[in-house]
């Protein structure tokens, strides 16, 4: 692949080390830290999305925090994540007891976050040969 040297020798010459048993080369996509990365795209792993989709309605603050933790890991895929999640975040404050009082706002936020995360969210690597437009959201 690298001429007469193996790829491990090539890395060593560059001052890097790698464990060949843990390396995967020449794949068009790979799983990495809960994401599928490749071909200029980044998206959540399907198993993680299934976990979000199948998540039961939280009954306690701890369960709400747990859901928000998983959903928050993928917040980059959901526009206005914090605004959508606000009713759920409110349930985790000190003024609420251990058992949360589930209301219509919390239900709507819960459903909207699940829907947004499970609707095949994908990020695309920007094309740096094109112009970018920066906008301020108000």
Protein backbone atom coordinates (compact mmCIF):
# COMPACT_ATOMS: atom_id res chain seq x y z
CA UNK A 1 0.00 0.00 0.00
CA UNK A 2 2.78 2.46 0.87
CA UNK A 3 5.36 0.98 -1.46
CA UNK A 4 7.77 -1.50 0.09
CA UNK A 5 6.86 -0.47 3.66
CA UNK A 6 3.70 -1.43 5.49
CA UNK A 7 1.34 1.26 6.73
CA UNK A 8 2.61 0.63 10.28
CA UNK A 9 6.17 1.48 9.13
CA UNK A 10 4.79 4.58 7.42
CA UNK A 11 3.18 5.71 10.68
CA UNK A 12 6.35 5.00 12.67
CA UNK A 13 8.40 7.12 10.28
CA UNK A 14 5.94 9.93 10.90
CA UNK A 15 6.44 9.55 14.66
CA UNK A 16 3.03 7.94 15.23
CA UNK A 17 2.05 4.58 16.67
CA UNK A 18 -0.94 2.35 15.97
CA UNK A 19 -2.18 -1.05 17.01
CA UNK A 20 -3.00 -2.88 13.74
CA UNK A 21 -5.61 -5.03 15.52
CA UNK A 22 -7.53 -1.88 16.46
CA UNK A 23 -7.18 -0.07 13.13
CA UNK A 24 -9.57 -0.05 10.20
CA UNK A 25 -8.32 1.47 6.97
CA UNK A 26 -9.92 2.20 3.61
CA UNK A 27 -13.53 2.11 4.80
CA UNK A 28 -15.96 4.65 3.38
CA UNK A 29 -17.65 5.04 6.79
CA UNK A 30 -17.04 4.02 10.38
CA UNK A 31 -18.65 4.12 13.82
CA UNK A 32 -16.99 6.53 16.22
CA UNK A 33 -18.21 7.59 19.68
CA UNK A 34 -21.90 7.11 18.91
CA UNK A 35 -21.70 8.55 15.40
CA UNK A 36 -21.40 7.17 11.88
CA UNK A 37 -18.75 9.19 10.08
CA UNK A 38 -17.81 9.02 6.42
CA UNK A 39 -18.28 10.35 2.91
CA UNK A 40 -18.47 13.89 4.28
CA UNK A 41 -21.41 13.05 6.57
CA UNK A 42 -21.90 12.71 10.31
CA UNK A 43 -25.00 11.09 11.79
CA UNK A 44 -26.02 9.29 14.99
CA UNK A 45 -25.70 5.52 15.16
CA UNK A 46 -29.03 3.81 14.53
CA UNK A 47 -28.90 1.87 17.81
CA UNK A 48 -28.73 5.17 19.70
CA UNK A 49 -31.71 6.51 17.79
CA UNK A 50 -33.68 3.36 18.61
CA UNK A 51 -32.86 3.94 22.28
CA UNK A 52 -34.25 7.48 22.01
CA UNK A 53 -37.33 6.33 20.12
CA UNK A 54 -38.12 3.56 22.64
CA UNK A 55 -37.43 5.72 25.71
CA UNK A 56 -40.39 5.52 28.11
CA UNK A 57 -41.93 8.61 29.67
CA UNK A 58 -39.69 9.62 32.60
CA UNK A 59 -41.24 9.45 36.06
CA UNK A 60 -38.40 10.83 38.19
CA UNK A 61 -35.89 13.67 37.96
CA UNK A 62 -33.14 11.13 37.48
CA UNK A 63 -34.95 9.58 34.50
CA UNK A 64 -35.53 13.03 32.96
CA UNK A 65 -31.83 13.87 33.39
CA UNK A 66 -30.89 10.55 31.84
CA UNK A 67 -33.05 11.20 28.77
CA UNK A 68 -31.75 14.76 28.45
CA UNK A 69 -28.20 13.42 28.70
CA UNK A 70 -28.66 11.04 25.77
CA UNK A 71 -30.64 13.54 23.70
CA UNK A 72 -28.18 16.30 24.56
CA UNK A 73 -25.28 14.25 23.20
CA UNK A 74 -26.90 14.62 19.78
CA UNK A 75 -28.08 18.22 20.25
CA UNK A 76 -26.10 19.41 17.22
CA UNK A 77 -28.67 17.65 15.03
CA UNK A 78 -31.65 19.52 16.53
CA UNK A 79 -32.16 23.22 15.79
CA UNK A 80 -33.09 25.15 18.96
CA UNK A 81 -32.46 22.10 21.14
CA UNK A 82 -32.36 24.09 24.41
CA UNK A 83 -35.65 25.82 23.64
CA UNK A 84 -37.39 22.54 22.83
CA UNK A 85 -35.92 20.82 25.90
CA UNK A 86 -36.68 23.71 28.32
CA UNK A 87 -39.86 22.15 29.81
CA UNK A 88 -37.95 18.94 30.53
CA UNK A 89 -34.98 20.83 31.95
CA UNK A 90 -37.40 22.70 34.23
CA UNK A 91 -38.51 19.37 35.72
CA UNK A 92 -34.95 18.76 36.98
CA UNK A 93 -34.76 21.93 39.12
CA UNK A 94 -34.72 21.94 42.91
CA UNK A 95 -38.27 23.23 43.18
CA UNK A 96 -39.58 19.92 41.84
CA UNK A 97 -39.76 16.76 43.93
CA UNK A 98 -38.04 13.49 43.07
CA UNK A 99 -41.15 12.30 41.24
CA UNK A 100 -41.86 14.73 38.43
CA UNK A 101 -45.29 16.14 37.67
CA UNK A 102 -45.63 15.38 33.98
CA UNK A 103 -47.62 18.03 32.14
CA UNK A 104 -48.64 18.84 28.56
CA UNK A 105 -45.54 21.02 27.97
CA UNK A 106 -43.22 18.24 29.13
CA UNK A 107 -45.03 15.71 26.94
CA UNK A 108 -44.79 17.98 23.91
CA UNK A 109 -41.07 18.60 24.51
CA UNK A 110 -40.44 14.88 25.01
CA UNK A 111 -42.23 13.96 21.78
CA UNK A 112 -40.65 16.79 19.79
CA UNK A 113 -37.12 15.86 20.88
CA UNK A 114 -37.68 12.20 20.08
CA UNK A 115 -39.16 13.10 16.69
CA UNK A 116 -36.35 15.52 15.84
CA UNK A 117 -33.63 13.05 16.77
CA UNK A 118 -35.25 10.07 15.04
CA UNK A 119 -35.97 11.81 11.73
CA UNK A 120 -32.66 10.73 10.16
CA UNK A 121 -30.62 13.76 11.20
CA UNK A 122 -27.43 14.19 9.18
CA UNK A 123 -24.73 16.83 9.22
CA UNK A 124 -22.72 17.51 6.08
CA UNK A 125 -19.11 18.64 5.98
CA UNK A 126 -19.03 22.16 4.51
CA UNK A 127 -17.74 22.73 0.99
CA UNK A 128 -14.91 25.19 1.56
CA UNK A 129 -14.75 26.03 -2.13
CA UNK A 130 -18.10 27.84 -1.75
CA UNK A 131 -18.98 31.08 0.04
CA UNK A 132 -20.48 31.00 3.55
CA UNK A 133 -23.15 33.31 4.89
CA UNK A 134 -23.15 34.01 8.63
CA UNK A 135 -26.54 34.87 10.12
CA UNK A 136 -27.52 35.94 13.60
CA UNK A 137 -30.64 34.30 15.00
CA UNK A 138 -32.70 36.48 17.28
